[in-house]
Amino acid sequence: IAAWALTVVRLAAATQGQEVETLQADLTSQPELVDGFDIVLAADLVYERREAGGQLALLRRAARNGAWVLAGDGGRSWFDPAGMELLAEYRLAVSRDLEGVDQRVARVYRVRGDAAGEQV
């Protein structure tokens, strides 16, 4: 997680008179750290196949423990939305030089904790 992203979250919350607790860490190595959160936001996940299982299982763990979990996906190959509820979809202009296409579809999902076989 880029430190600037966490700063943006804190600034946005403060603008709305809210407080947030942010954490910069690899939560897949310490999944118990998500257990006390009410809301878990995740984006830009699963760049690599080997990361996919642990990241998605972590989000489902948080949801099972009562958190409202939202995941943003920009069309990554290894992102599996099975057991998730699609909340929104956006078509975004992107740099062809960086992405290889002119437009990408970004989706926001609510992660549910009831997916069969998912445990962390």
PDB file of N, CA and C in Angstrom:
ATOM      1  N   ILE A   1       0.858  -1.176   0.000  1.00  0.00           N
ATOM      2  CA  ILE A   1       0.000   0.000   0.000  1.00  0.00           C
ATOM      3  C   ILE A   1       0.893   1.224   0.000  1.00  0.00           C
ATOM      4  N   ALA A   2       0.593   2.123  -0.891  1.00  0.00           N
ATOM      5  CA  ALA A   2       1.357   3.357  -0.947  1.00  0.00           C
ATOM      6  C   ALA A   2       0.939   4.264   0.210  1.00  0.00           C
ATOM      7  N   ALA A   3       1.915   4.845   0.869  1.00  0.00           N
ATOM      8  CA  ALA A   3       1.626   5.724   2.008  1.00  0.00           C
ATOM      9  C   ALA A   3       0.729   6.896   1.605  1.00  0.00           C
ATOM     10  N   TRP A   4       0.896   7.393   0.371  1.00  0.00           N
ATOM     11  CA  TRP A   4       0.077   8.525  -0.059  1.00  0.00           C
ATOM     12  C   TRP A   4      -1.399   8.148  -0.134  1.00  0.00           C
ATOM     13  N   ALA A   5      -1.711   6.885  -0.453  1.00  0.00           N
ATOM     14  CA  ALA A   5      -3.108   6.447  -0.518  1.00  0.00           C
ATOM     15  C   ALA A   5      -3.757   6.524   0.857  1.00  0.00           C
ATOM     16  N   LEU A   6      -3.013   6.179   1.878  1.00  0.00           N
ATOM     17  CA  LEU A   6      -3.548   6.252   3.240  1.00  0.00           C
ATOM     18  C   LEU A   6      -3.746   7.702   3.671  1.00  0.00           C
ATOM     19  N   THR A   7      -2.853   8.562   3.231  1.00  0.00           N
ATOM     20  CA  THR A   7      -3.004   9.994   3.524  1.00  0.00           C
ATOM     21  C   THR A   7      -4.273  10.539   2.869  1.00  0.00           C
ATOM     22  N   VAL A   8      -4.535  10.135   1.636  1.00  0.00           N
ATOM     23  CA  VAL A   8      -5.741  10.571   0.936  1.00  0.00           C
ATOM     24  C   VAL A   8      -6.990  10.100   1.684  1.00  0.00           C
ATOM     25  N   VAL A   9      -6.977   8.878   2.179  1.00  0.00           N
ATOM     26  CA  VAL A   9      -8.123   8.354   2.939  1.00  0.00           C
ATOM     27  C   VAL A   9      -8.352   9.184   4.194  1.00  0.00           C
ATOM     28  N   ARG A  10      -7.292   9.486   4.922  1.00  0.00           N
ATOM     29  CA  ARG A  10      -7.432  10.285   6.154  1.00  0.00           C
ATOM     30  C   ARG A  10      -7.928  11.694   5.848  1.00  0.00           C
ATOM     31  N   LEU A  11      -7.414  12.308   4.789  1.00  0.00           N
ATOM     32  CA  LEU A  11      -7.858  13.651   4.412  1.00  0.00           C
ATOM     33  C   LEU A  11      -9.326  13.661   3.988  1.00  0.00           C
ATOM     34  N   ALA A  12      -9.725  12.669   3.214  1.00  0.00           N
ATOM     35  CA  ALA A  12     -11.123  12.586   2.774  1.00  0.00           C
ATOM     36  C   ALA A  12     -12.047  12.402   3.971  1.00  0.00           C
ATOM     37  N   ALA A  13     -11.660  11.572   4.904  1.00  0.00           N
ATOM     38  CA  ALA A  13     -12.480  11.353   6.101  1.00  0.00           C
ATOM     39  C   ALA A  13     -12.573  12.634   6.927  1.00  0.00           C
ATOM     40  N   ALA A  14     -11.451  13.308   7.119  1.00  0.00           N
ATOM     41  CA  ALA A  14     -11.440  14.547   7.906  1.00  0.00           C
ATOM     42  C   ALA A  14     -12.324  15.613   7.268  1.00  0.00           C
ATOM     43  N   THR A  15     -12.318  15.679   5.947  1.00  0.00           N
ATOM     44  CA  THR A  15     -13.163  16.636   5.235  1.00  0.00           C
ATOM     45  C   THR A  15     -14.636  16.412   5.559  1.00  0.00           C
ATOM     46  N   GLN A  16     -14.997  15.169   5.834  1.00  0.00           N
ATOM     47  CA  GLN A  16     -16.383  14.829   6.141  1.00  0.00           C
ATOM     48  C   GLN A  16     -16.622  14.713   7.647  1.00  0.00           C
ATOM     49  N   GLY A  17     -15.646  15.151   8.440  1.00  0.00           N
ATOM     50  CA  GLY A  17     -15.802  15.115   9.886  1.00  0.00           C
ATOM     51  C   GLY A  17     -15.730  13.721  10.487  1.00  0.00           C
ATOM     52  N   GLN A  18     -15.055  12.821   9.797  1.00  0.00           N
ATOM     53  CA  GLN A  18     -14.950  11.430  10.259  1.00  0.00           C
ATOM     54  C   GLN A  18     -13.510  11.109  10.641  1.00  0.00           C
ATOM     55  N   GLU A  19     -13.366  10.081  11.450  1.00  0.00           N
ATOM     56  CA  GLU A  19     -12.045   9.562  11.784  1.00  0.00           C
ATOM     57  C   GLU A  19     -11.913   8.166  11.203  1.00  0.00           C
ATOM     58  N   VAL A  20     -10.747   7.846  10.719  1.00  0.00           N
ATOM     59  CA  VAL A  20     -10.484   6.503  10.211  1.00  0.00           C
ATOM     60  C   VAL A  20      -9.174   6.007  10.795  1.00  0.00           C
ATOM     61  N   GLU A  21      -9.062   4.712  10.910  1.00  0.00           N
ATOM     62  CA  GLU A  21      -7.808   4.086  11.310  1.00  0.00           C
ATOM     63  C   GLU A  21      -7.267   3.374  10.078  1.00  0.00           C
ATOM     64  N   THR A  22      -6.062   3.696   9.688  1.00  0.00           N
ATOM     65  CA  THR A  22      -5.460   3.056   8.521  1.00  0.00           C
ATOM     66  C   THR A  22      -4.299   2.186   8.986  1.00  0.00           C
ATOM     67  N   LEU A  23      -3.927   1.248   8.136  1.00  0.00           N
ATOM     68  CA  LEU A  23      -2.856   0.325   8.472  1.00  0.00           C
ATOM     69  C   LEU A  23      -2.107  -0.012   7.194  1.00  0.00           C
ATOM     70  N   GLN A  24      -0.810   0.183   7.195  1.00  0.00           N
ATOM     71  CA  GLN A  24       0.021  -0.171   6.047  1.00  0.00           C
ATOM     72  C   GLN A  24       0.791  -1.428   6.413  1.00  0.00           C
ATOM     73  N   ALA A  25       0.354  -2.567   5.859  1.00  0.00           N
ATOM     74  CA  ALA A  25       0.974  -3.845   6.202  1.00  0.00           C
ATOM     75  C   ALA A  25       0.548  -4.909   5.199  1.00  0.00           C
ATOM     76  N   ASP A  26       1.273  -6.007   5.182  1.00  0.00           N
ATOM     77  CA  ASP A  26       0.861  -7.185   4.416  1.00  0.00           C
ATOM     78  C   ASP A  26      -0.021  -8.014   5.336  1.00  0.00           C
ATOM     79  N   LEU A  27      -1.310  -7.813   5.229  1.00  0.00           N
ATOM     80  CA  LEU A  27      -2.248  -8.467   6.123  1.00  0.00           C
ATOM     81  C   LEU A  27      -2.366  -9.963   5.879  1.00  0.00           C
ATOM     82  N   THR A  28      -1.936 -10.438   4.717  1.00  0.00           N
ATOM     83  CA  THR A  28      -2.013 -11.875   4.477  1.00  0.00           C
ATOM     84  C   THR A  28      -1.047 -12.637   5.382  1.00  0.00           C
ATOM     85  N   SER A  29      -0.020 -11.963   5.872  1.00  0.00           N
ATOM     86  CA  SER A  29       0.910 -12.628   6.792  1.00  0.00           C
ATOM     87  C   SER A  29       0.449 -12.529   8.246  1.00  0.00           C
ATOM     88  N   GLN A  30      -0.526 -11.650   8.528  1.00  0.00           N
ATOM     89  CA  GLN A  30      -1.095 -11.501   9.875  1.00  0.00           C
ATOM     90  C   GLN A  30      -2.607 -11.260   9.744  1.00  0.00           C
ATOM     91  N   PRO A  31      -3.355 -12.247   9.263  1.00  0.00           N
ATOM     92  CA  PRO A  31      -4.774 -12.040   8.970  1.00  0.00           C
ATOM     93  C   PRO A  31      -5.617 -11.645  10.177  1.00  0.00           C
ATOM     94  N   GLU A  32      -5.160 -11.967  11.366  1.00  0.00           N
ATOM     95  CA  GLU A  32      -5.926 -11.600  12.563  1.00  0.00           C
ATOM     96  C   GLU A  32      -6.038 -10.086  12.743  1.00  0.00           C
ATOM     97  N   LEU A  33      -5.202  -9.316  12.075  1.00  0.00           N
ATOM     98  CA  LEU A  33      -5.251  -7.864  12.183  1.00  0.00           C
ATOM     99  C   LEU A  33      -6.543  -7.264  11.612  1.00  0.00           C
ATOM    100  N   VAL A  34      -7.237  -7.974  10.729  1.00  0.00           N
ATOM    101  CA  VAL A  34      -8.487  -7.441  10.167  1.00  0.00           C
ATOM    102  C   VAL A  34      -9.694  -7.710  11.057  1.00  0.00           C
ATOM    103  N   ASP A  35      -9.529  -8.530  12.085  1.00  0.00           N
ATOM    104  CA  ASP A  35     -10.676  -8.991  12.858  1.00  0.00           C
ATOM    105  C   ASP A  35     -11.446  -7.889  13.573  1.00  0.00           C
ATOM    106  N   GLY A  36     -10.822  -6.800  13.951  1.00  0.00           N
ATOM    107  CA  GLY A  36     -11.520  -5.776  14.711  1.00  0.00           C
ATOM    108  C   GLY A  36     -12.076  -4.617  13.901  1.00  0.00           C
ATOM    109  N   PHE A  37     -11.948  -4.656  12.590  1.00  0.00           N
ATOM    110  CA  PHE A  37     -12.384  -3.519  11.780  1.00  0.00           C
ATOM    111  C   PHE A  37     -13.857  -3.622  11.403  1.00  0.00           C
ATOM    112  N   ASP A  38     -14.537  -2.474  11.377  1.00  0.00           N
ATOM    113  CA  ASP A  38     -15.935  -2.407  10.951  1.00  0.00           C
ATOM    114  C   ASP A  38     -16.047  -2.340   9.432  1.00  0.00           C
ATOM    115  N   ILE A  39     -15.092  -1.672   8.801  1.00  0.00           N
ATOM    116  CA  ILE A  39     -15.081  -1.500   7.345  1.00  0.00           C
ATOM    117  C   ILE A  39     -13.687  -1.833   6.830  1.00  0.00           C
ATOM    118  N   VAL A  40     -13.631  -2.603   5.766  1.00  0.00           N
ATOM    119  CA  VAL A  40     -12.365  -2.930   5.117  1.00  0.00           C
ATOM    120  C   VAL A  40     -12.512  -2.571   3.641  1.00  0.00           C
ATOM    121  N   LEU A  41     -11.621  -1.697   3.163  1.00  0.00           N
ATOM    122  CA  LEU A  41     -11.613  -1.283   1.760  1.00  0.00           C
ATOM    123  C   LEU A  41     -10.355  -1.830   1.101  1.00  0.00           C
ATOM    124  N   ALA A  42     -10.516  -2.418  -0.068  1.00  0.00           N
ATOM    125  CA  ALA A  42      -9.364  -2.982  -0.763  1.00  0.00           C
ATOM    126  C   ALA A  42      -9.478  -2.699  -2.253  1.00  0.00           C
ATOM    127  N   ALA A  43      -8.366  -2.381  -2.867  1.00  0.00           N
ATOM    128  CA  ALA A  43      -8.346  -2.129  -4.308  1.00  0.00           C
ATOM    129  C   ALA A  43      -6.983  -2.490  -4.857  1.00  0.00           C
ATOM    130  N   ASP A  44      -6.920  -2.614  -6.168  1.00  0.00           N
ATOM    131  CA  ASP A  44      -5.677  -2.980  -6.841  1.00  0.00           C
ATOM    132  C   ASP A  44      -5.106  -4.275  -6.287  1.00  0.00           C
ATOM    133  N   LEU A  45      -5.942  -5.263  -6.177  1.00  0.00           N
ATOM    134  CA  LEU A  45      -5.548  -6.569  -5.654  1.00  0.00           C
ATOM    135  C   LEU A  45      -5.070  -7.496  -6.757  1.00  0.00           C
ATOM    136  N   VAL A  46      -4.528  -8.581  -6.365  1.00  0.00           N
ATOM    137  CA  VAL A  46      -4.168  -9.754  -7.168  1.00  0.00           C
ATOM    138  C   VAL A  46      -3.472  -9.443  -8.495  1.00  0.00           C
ATOM    139  N   TYR A  47      -2.381  -8.760  -8.395  1.00  0.00           N
ATOM    140  CA  TYR A  47      -1.547  -8.538  -9.573  1.00  0.00           C
ATOM    141  C   TYR A  47      -0.923  -9.846 -10.046  1.00  0.00           C
ATOM    142  N   GLU A  48      -0.706 -10.758  -9.114  1.00  0.00           N
ATOM    143  CA  GLU A  48      -0.093 -12.031  -9.452  1.00  0.00           C
ATOM    144  C   GLU A  48      -0.948 -13.169  -8.915  1.00  0.00           C
ATOM    145  N   ARG A  49      -0.951 -14.283  -9.633  1.00  0.00           N
ATOM    146  CA  ARG A  49      -1.774 -15.439  -9.264  1.00  0.00           C
ATOM    147  C   ARG A  49      -1.468 -15.930  -7.852  1.00  0.00           C
ATOM    148  N   ARG A  50      -0.200 -15.940  -7.464  1.00  0.00           N
ATOM    149  CA  ARG A  50       0.174 -16.473  -6.157  1.00  0.00           C
ATOM    150  C   ARG A  50      -0.378 -15.635  -5.007  1.00  0.00           C
ATOM    151  N   GLU A  51      -0.745 -14.389  -5.272  1.00  0.00           N
ATOM    152  CA  GLU A  51      -1.296 -13.516  -4.232  1.00  0.00           C
ATOM    153  C   GLU A  51      -2.813 -13.651  -4.086  1.00  0.00           C
ATOM    154  N   ALA A  52      -3.463 -14.120  -5.123  1.00  0.00           N
ATOM    155  CA  ALA A  52      -4.927 -14.083  -5.199  1.00  0.00           C
ATOM    156  C   ALA A  52      -5.609 -14.809  -4.045  1.00  0.00           C
ATOM    157  N   GLY A  53      -5.251 -16.030  -3.806  1.00  0.00           N
ATOM    158  CA  GLY A  53      -5.935 -16.829  -2.783  1.00  0.00           C
ATOM    159  C   GLY A  53      -5.866 -16.210  -1.406  1.00  0.00           C
ATOM    160  N   GLY A  54      -4.683 -15.784  -0.995  1.00  0.00           N
ATOM    161  CA  GLY A  54      -4.510 -15.193   0.331  1.00  0.00           C
ATOM    162  C   GLY A  54      -5.236 -13.876   0.496  1.00  0.00           C
ATOM    163  N   GLN A  55      -5.193 -13.038  -0.542  1.00  0.00           N
ATOM    164  CA  GLN A  55      -5.859 -11.735  -0.457  1.00  0.00           C
ATOM    165  C   GLN A  55      -7.373 -11.884  -0.378  1.00  0.00           C
ATOM    166  N   LEU A  56      -7.949 -12.709  -1.243  1.00  0.00           N
ATOM    167  CA  LEU A  56      -9.397 -12.875  -1.244  1.00  0.00           C
ATOM    168  C   LEU A  56      -9.874 -13.597   0.021  1.00  0.00           C
ATOM    169  N   ALA A  57      -9.107 -14.570   0.505  1.00  0.00           N
ATOM    170  CA  ALA A  57      -9.468 -15.251   1.747  1.00  0.00           C
ATOM    171  C   ALA A  57      -9.435 -14.275   2.929  1.00  0.00           C
ATOM    172  N   LEU A  58      -8.486 -13.362   2.930  1.00  0.00           N
ATOM    173  CA  LEU A  58      -8.395 -12.353   3.983  1.00  0.00           C
ATOM    174  C   LEU A  58      -9.642 -11.466   4.001  1.00  0.00           C
ATOM    175  N   LEU A  59     -10.082 -11.039   2.820  1.00  0.00           N
ATOM    176  CA  LEU A  59     -11.280 -10.200   2.738  1.00  0.00           C
ATOM    177  C   LEU A  59     -12.513 -10.961   3.209  1.00  0.00           C
ATOM    178  N   ARG A  60     -12.606 -12.225   2.850  1.00  0.00           N
ATOM    179  CA  ARG A  60     -13.748 -13.029   3.298  1.00  0.00           C
ATOM    180  C   ARG A  60     -13.703 -13.249   4.812  1.00  0.00           C
ATOM    181  N   ARG A  61     -12.517 -13.385   5.351  1.00  0.00           N
ATOM    182  CA  ARG A  61     -12.384 -13.515   6.808  1.00  0.00           C
ATOM    183  C   ARG A  61     -12.943 -12.271   7.498  1.00  0.00           C
ATOM    184  N   ALA A  62     -12.564 -11.100   7.004  1.00  0.00           N
ATOM    185  CA  ALA A  62     -13.057  -9.849   7.593  1.00  0.00           C
ATOM    186  C   ALA A  62     -14.579  -9.788   7.510  1.00  0.00           C
ATOM    187  N   ALA A  63     -15.138 -10.193   6.380  1.00  0.00           N
ATOM    188  CA  ALA A  63     -16.600 -10.178   6.216  1.00  0.00           C
ATOM    189  C   ALA A  63     -17.267 -11.165   7.177  1.00  0.00           C
ATOM    190  N   ARG A  64     -16.693 -12.342   7.335  1.00  0.00           N
ATOM    191  CA  ARG A  64     -17.242 -13.331   8.276  1.00  0.00           C
ATOM    192  C   ARG A  64     -17.255 -12.797   9.698  1.00  0.00           C
ATOM    193  N   ASN A  65     -16.287 -11.933  10.001  1.00  0.00           N
ATOM    194  CA  ASN A  65     -16.182 -11.370  11.352  1.00  0.00           C
ATOM    195  C   ASN A  65     -16.989 -10.090  11.504  1.00  0.00           C
ATOM    196  N   GLY A  66     -17.857  -9.804  10.551  1.00  0.00           N
ATOM    197  CA  GLY A  66     -18.795  -8.702  10.684  1.00  0.00           C
ATOM    198  C   GLY A  66     -18.427  -7.397  10.005  1.00  0.00           C
ATOM    199  N   ALA A  67     -17.290  -7.343   9.332  1.00  0.00           N
ATOM    200  CA  ALA A  67     -16.894  -6.099   8.650  1.00  0.00           C
ATOM    201  C   ALA A  67     -17.679  -5.928   7.353  1.00  0.00           C
ATOM    202  N   TRP A  68     -17.912  -4.682   6.983  1.00  0.00           N
ATOM    203  CA  TRP A  68     -18.455  -4.335   5.672  1.00  0.00           C
ATOM    204  C   TRP A  68     -17.224  -4.251   4.775  1.00  0.00           C
ATOM    205  N   VAL A  69     -17.090  -5.154   3.813  1.00  0.00           N
ATOM    206  CA  VAL A  69     -15.877  -5.266   3.003  1.00  0.00           C
ATOM    207  C   VAL A  69     -16.191  -4.918   1.551  1.00  0.00           C
ATOM    208  N   LEU A  70     -15.479  -3.915   1.045  1.00  0.00           N
ATOM    209  CA  LEU A  70     -15.620  -3.503  -0.353  1.00  0.00           C
ATOM    210  C   LEU A  70     -14.295  -3.728  -1.063  1.00  0.00           C
ATOM    211  N   ALA A  71     -14.370  -4.296  -2.258  1.00  0.00           N
ATOM    212  CA  ALA A  71     -13.176  -4.549  -3.057  1.00  0.00           C
ATOM    213  C   ALA A  71     -13.355  -3.921  -4.431  1.00  0.00           C
ATOM    214  N   GLY A  72     -12.363  -3.154  -4.843  1.00  0.00           N
ATOM    215  CA  GLY A  72     -12.356  -2.567  -6.172  1.00  0.00           C
ATOM    216  C   GLY A  72     -11.461  -3.375  -7.074  1.00  0.00           C
ATOM    217  N   ASP A  73     -11.928  -3.653  -8.293  1.00  0.00           N
ATOM    218  CA  ASP A  73     -11.133  -4.425  -9.244  1.00  0.00           C
ATOM    219  C   ASP A  73     -11.110  -3.721 -10.591  1.00  0.00           C
ATOM    220  N   GLY A  74      -9.927  -3.576 -11.137  1.00  0.00           N
ATOM    221  CA  GLY A  74      -9.749  -2.940 -12.442  1.00  0.00           C
ATOM    222  C   GLY A  74      -9.612  -3.944 -13.569  1.00  0.00           C
ATOM    223  N   GLY A  75     -10.125  -5.153 -13.383  1.00  0.00           N
ATOM    224  CA  GLY A  75     -10.062  -6.160 -14.440  1.00  0.00           C
ATOM    225  C   GLY A  75      -8.820  -7.027 -14.370  1.00  0.00           C
ATOM    226  N   ARG A  76      -8.299  -7.227 -13.198  1.00  0.00           N
ATOM    227  CA  ARG A  76      -7.108  -8.077 -13.037  1.00  0.00           C
ATOM    228  C   ARG A  76      -7.447  -9.523 -13.382  1.00  0.00           C
ATOM    229  N   SER A  77      -6.531 -10.196 -14.014  1.00  0.00           N
ATOM    230  CA  SER A  77      -6.762 -11.572 -14.477  1.00  0.00           C
ATOM    231  C   SER A  77      -7.075 -12.548 -13.349  1.00  0.00           C
ATOM    232  N   TRP A  78      -6.463 -12.356 -12.193  1.00  0.00           N
ATOM    233  CA  TRP A  78      -6.591 -13.342 -11.123  1.00  0.00           C
ATOM    234  C   TRP A  78      -7.642 -12.967 -10.085  1.00  0.00           C
ATOM    235  N   PHE A  79      -8.343 -11.866 -10.274  1.00  0.00           N
ATOM    236  CA  PHE A  79      -9.395 -11.474  -9.340  1.00  0.00           C
ATOM    237  C   PHE A  79     -10.627 -12.345  -9.599  1.00  0.00           C
ATOM    238  N   ASP A  80     -11.093 -13.039  -8.561  1.00  0.00           N
ATOM    239  CA  ASP A  80     -12.251 -13.925  -8.689  1.00  0.00           C
ATOM    240  C   ASP A  80     -13.404 -13.372  -7.855  1.00  0.00           C
ATOM    241  N   PRO A  81     -14.440 -12.835  -8.495  1.00  0.00           N
ATOM    242  CA  PRO A  81     -15.545 -12.242  -7.754  1.00  0.00           C
ATOM    243  C   PRO A  81     -16.598 -13.247  -7.266  1.00  0.00           C
ATOM    244  N   ALA A  82     -16.304 -14.538  -7.359  1.00  0.00           N
ATOM    245  CA  ALA A  82     -17.270 -15.547  -6.906  1.00  0.00           C
ATOM    246  C   ALA A  82     -17.665 -15.275  -5.458  1.00  0.00           C
ATOM    247  N   GLY A  83     -18.957 -15.296  -5.193  1.00  0.00           N
ATOM    248  CA  GLY A  83     -19.457 -15.066  -3.841  1.00  0.00           C
ATOM    249  C   GLY A  83     -19.499 -13.607  -3.446  1.00  0.00           C
ATOM    250  N   MET A  84     -19.271 -12.704  -4.406  1.00  0.00           N
ATOM    251  CA  MET A  84     -19.310 -11.270  -4.127  1.00  0.00           C
ATOM    252  C   MET A  84     -20.519 -10.650  -4.828  1.00  0.00           C
ATOM    253  N   GLU A  85     -20.950  -9.527  -4.316  1.00  0.00           N
ATOM    254  CA  GLU A  85     -22.076  -8.798  -4.895  1.00  0.00           C
ATOM    255  C   GLU A  85     -21.544  -7.570  -5.634  1.00  0.00           C
ATOM    256  N   LEU A  86     -21.837  -7.475  -6.929  1.00  0.00           N
ATOM    257  CA  LEU A  86     -21.416  -6.324  -7.720  1.00  0.00           C
ATOM    258  C   LEU A  86     -22.254  -5.115  -7.329  1.00  0.00           C
ATOM    259  N   LEU A  87     -21.592  -4.039  -6.880  1.00  0.00           N
ATOM    260  CA  LEU A  87     -22.292  -2.827  -6.463  1.00  0.00           C
ATOM    261  C   LEU A  87     -22.250  -1.727  -7.516  1.00  0.00           C
ATOM    262  N   ALA A  88     -21.146  -1.623  -8.238  1.00  0.00           N
ATOM    263  CA  ALA A  88     -21.003  -0.537  -9.212  1.00  0.00           C
ATOM    264  C   ALA A  88     -19.998  -0.941 -10.282  1.00  0.00           C
ATOM    265  N   GLU A  89     -20.150  -0.317 -11.440  1.00  0.00           N
ATOM    266  CA  GLU A  89     -19.236  -0.561 -12.548  1.00  0.00           C
ATOM    267  C   GLU A  89     -18.977   0.765 -13.245  1.00  0.00           C
ATOM    268  N   TYR A  90     -17.700   1.025 -13.552  1.00  0.00           N
ATOM    269  CA  TYR A  90     -17.305   2.287 -14.165  1.00  0.00           C
ATOM    270  C   TYR A  90     -16.401   2.011 -15.361  1.00  0.00           C
ATOM    271  N   ARG A  91     -16.612   2.729 -16.440  1.00  0.00           N
ATOM    272  CA  ARG A  91     -15.704   2.679 -17.587  1.00  0.00           C
ATOM    273  C   ARG A  91     -14.778   3.881 -17.475  1.00  0.00           C
ATOM    274  N   LEU A  92     -13.482   3.605 -17.451  1.00  0.00           N
ATOM    275  CA  LEU A  92     -12.497   4.655 -17.222  1.00  0.00           C
ATOM    276  C   LEU A  92     -11.520   4.757 -18.383  1.00  0.00           C
ATOM    277  N   ALA A  93     -11.213   5.975 -18.780  1.00  0.00           N
ATOM    278  CA  ALA A  93     -10.171   6.196 -19.772  1.00  0.00           C
ATOM    279  C   ALA A  93      -8.820   5.966 -19.095  1.00  0.00           C
ATOM    280  N   VAL A  94      -7.957   5.234 -19.771  1.00  0.00           N
ATOM    281  CA  VAL A  94      -6.624   4.946 -19.227  1.00  0.00           C
ATOM    282  C   VAL A  94      -5.577   5.212 -20.298  1.00  0.00           C
ATOM    283  N   SER A  95      -4.341   5.262 -19.881  1.00  0.00           N
ATOM    284  CA  SER A  95      -3.235   5.499 -20.804  1.00  0.00           C
ATOM    285  C   SER A  95      -2.927   4.229 -21.592  1.00  0.00           C
ATOM    286  N   ARG A  96      -3.022   4.315 -22.899  1.00  0.00           N
ATOM    287  CA  ARG A  96      -2.706   3.157 -23.744  1.00  0.00           C
ATOM    288  C   ARG A  96      -1.258   2.718 -23.544  1.00  0.00           C
ATOM    289  N   ASP A  97      -0.357   3.687 -23.347  1.00  0.00           N
ATOM    290  CA  ASP A  97       1.054   3.357 -23.139  1.00  0.00           C
ATOM    291  C   ASP A  97       1.259   2.500 -21.898  1.00  0.00           C
ATOM    292  N   LEU A  98       0.487   2.756 -20.862  1.00  0.00           N
ATOM    293  CA  LEU A  98       0.624   2.031 -19.599  1.00  0.00           C
ATOM    294  C   LEU A  98      -0.205   0.757 -19.570  1.00  0.00           C
ATOM    295  N   GLU A  99      -1.442   0.828 -20.058  1.00  0.00           N
ATOM    296  CA  GLU A  99      -2.390  -0.280 -19.923  1.00  0.00           C
ATOM    297  C   GLU A  99      -2.551  -1.138 -21.178  1.00  0.00           C
ATOM    298  N   GLY A 100      -2.138  -0.617 -22.338  1.00  0.00           N
ATOM    299  CA  GLY A 100      -2.304  -1.358 -23.578  1.00  0.00           C
ATOM    300  C   GLY A 100      -3.700  -1.245 -24.174  1.00  0.00           C
ATOM    301  N   VAL A 101      -4.571  -0.497 -23.532  1.00  0.00           N
ATOM    302  CA  VAL A 101      -5.934  -0.244 -24.004  1.00  0.00           C
ATOM    303  C   VAL A 101      -6.282   1.205 -23.682  1.00  0.00           C
ATOM    304  N   ASP A 102      -7.339   1.715 -24.301  1.00  0.00           N
ATOM    305  CA  ASP A 102      -7.769   3.093 -24.054  1.00  0.00           C
ATOM    306  C   ASP A 102      -8.771   3.195 -22.907  1.00  0.00           C
ATOM    307  N   GLN A 103      -9.408   2.068 -22.596  1.00  0.00           N
ATOM    308  CA  GLN A 103     -10.462   2.085 -21.576  1.00  0.00           C
ATOM    309  C   GLN A 103     -10.401   0.806 -20.760  1.00  0.00           C
ATOM    310  N   ARG A 104     -10.688   0.936 -19.480  1.00  0.00           N
ATOM    311  CA  ARG A 104     -10.720  -0.218 -18.584  1.00  0.00           C
ATOM    312  C   ARG A 104     -12.014  -0.142 -17.782  1.00  0.00           C
ATOM    313  N   VAL A 105     -12.559  -1.295 -17.447  1.00  0.00           N
ATOM    314  CA  VAL A 105     -13.764  -1.349 -16.625  1.00  0.00           C
ATOM    315  C   VAL A 105     -13.340  -1.618 -15.187  1.00  0.00           C
ATOM    316  N   ALA A 106     -13.756  -0.738 -14.303  1.00  0.00           N
ATOM    317  CA  ALA A 106     -13.486  -0.911 -12.867  1.00  0.00           C
ATOM    318  C   ALA A 106     -14.794  -1.284 -12.187  1.00  0.00           C
ATOM    319  N   ARG A 107     -14.725  -2.246 -11.284  1.00  0.00           N
ATOM    320  CA  ARG A 107     -15.917  -2.715 -10.583  1.00  0.00           C
ATOM    321  C   ARG A 107     -15.697  -2.648  -9.073  1.00  0.00           C
ATOM    322  N   VAL A 108     -16.781  -2.386  -8.364  1.00  0.00           N
ATOM    323  CA  VAL A 108     -16.755  -2.381  -6.908  1.00  0.00           C
ATOM    324  C   VAL A 108     -17.680  -3.498  -6.437  1.00  0.00           C
ATOM    325  N   TYR A 109     -17.144  -4.358  -5.572  1.00  0.00           N
ATOM    326  CA  TYR A 109     -17.884  -5.506  -5.060  1.00  0.00           C
ATOM    327  C   TYR A 109     -18.013  -5.434  -3.543  1.00  0.00           C
ATOM    328  N   ARG A 110     -19.098  -5.975  -3.042  1.00  0.00           N
ATOM    329  CA  ARG A 110     -19.222  -6.244  -1.608  1.00  0.00           C
ATOM    330  C   ARG A 110     -18.787  -7.687  -1.422  1.00  0.00           C
ATOM    331  N   VAL A 111     -17.801  -7.878  -0.565  1.00  0.00           N
ATOM    332  CA  VAL A 111     -17.273  -9.212  -0.307  1.00  0.00           C
ATOM    333  C   VAL A 111     -18.094  -9.845   0.800  1.00  0.00           C
ATOM    334  N   ARG A 112     -18.532 -11.050   0.567  1.00  0.00           N
ATOM    335  CA  ARG A 112     -19.300 -11.793   1.560  1.00  0.00           C
ATOM    336  C   ARG A 112     -18.392 -12.826   2.216  1.00  0.00           C
ATOM    337  N   GLY A 113     -18.669 -13.142   3.437  1.00  0.00           N
ATOM    338  CA  GLY A 113     -17.848 -14.097   4.165  1.00  0.00           C
ATOM    339  C   GLY A 113     -18.325 -15.508   4.101  1.00  0.00           C
ATOM    340  N   ASP A 114     -19.344 -15.773   3.286  1.00  0.00           N
ATOM    341  CA  ASP A 114     -19.940 -17.101   3.273  1.00  0.00           C
ATOM    342  C   ASP A 114     -19.519 -17.976   2.108  1.00  0.00           C
ATOM    343  N   ALA A 115     -18.443 -17.625   1.411  1.00  0.00           N
ATOM    344  CA  ALA A 115     -17.984 -18.433   0.290  1.00  0.00           C
ATOM    345  C   ALA A 115     -17.458 -19.765   0.804  1.00  0.00           C
ATOM    346  N   ALA A 116     -17.914 -20.836   0.235  1.00  0.00           N
ATOM    347  CA  ALA A 116     -17.544 -22.183   0.684  1.00  0.00           C
ATOM    348  C   ALA A 116     -16.045 -22.422   0.568  1.00  0.00           C
ATOM    349  N   GLY A 117     -15.491 -23.005   1.587  1.00  0.00           N
ATOM    350  CA  GLY A 117     -14.101 -23.405   1.567  1.00  0.00           C
ATOM    351  C   GLY A 117     -13.082 -22.330   1.824  1.00  0.00           C
ATOM    352  N   GLU A 118     -13.490 -21.100   2.064  1.00  0.00           N
ATOM    353  CA  GLU A 118     -12.546 -20.023   2.292  1.00  0.00           C
ATOM    354  C   GLU A 118     -12.241 -19.902   3.768  1.00  0.00           C
ATOM    355  N   GLN A 119     -11.002 -20.096   4.122  1.00  0.00           N
ATOM    356  CA  GLN A 119     -10.583 -19.918   5.518  1.00  0.00           C
ATOM    357  C   GLN A 119      -9.194 -19.330   5.559  1.00  0.00           C
ATOM    358  N   VAL A 120      -8.985 -18.464   6.517  1.00  0.00           N
ATOM    359  CA  VAL A 120      -7.644 -17.908   6.771  1.00  0.00           C
ATOM    360  C   VAL A 120      -7.356 -18.112   8.228  1.00  0.00           C
TER     361      VAL A 120
END
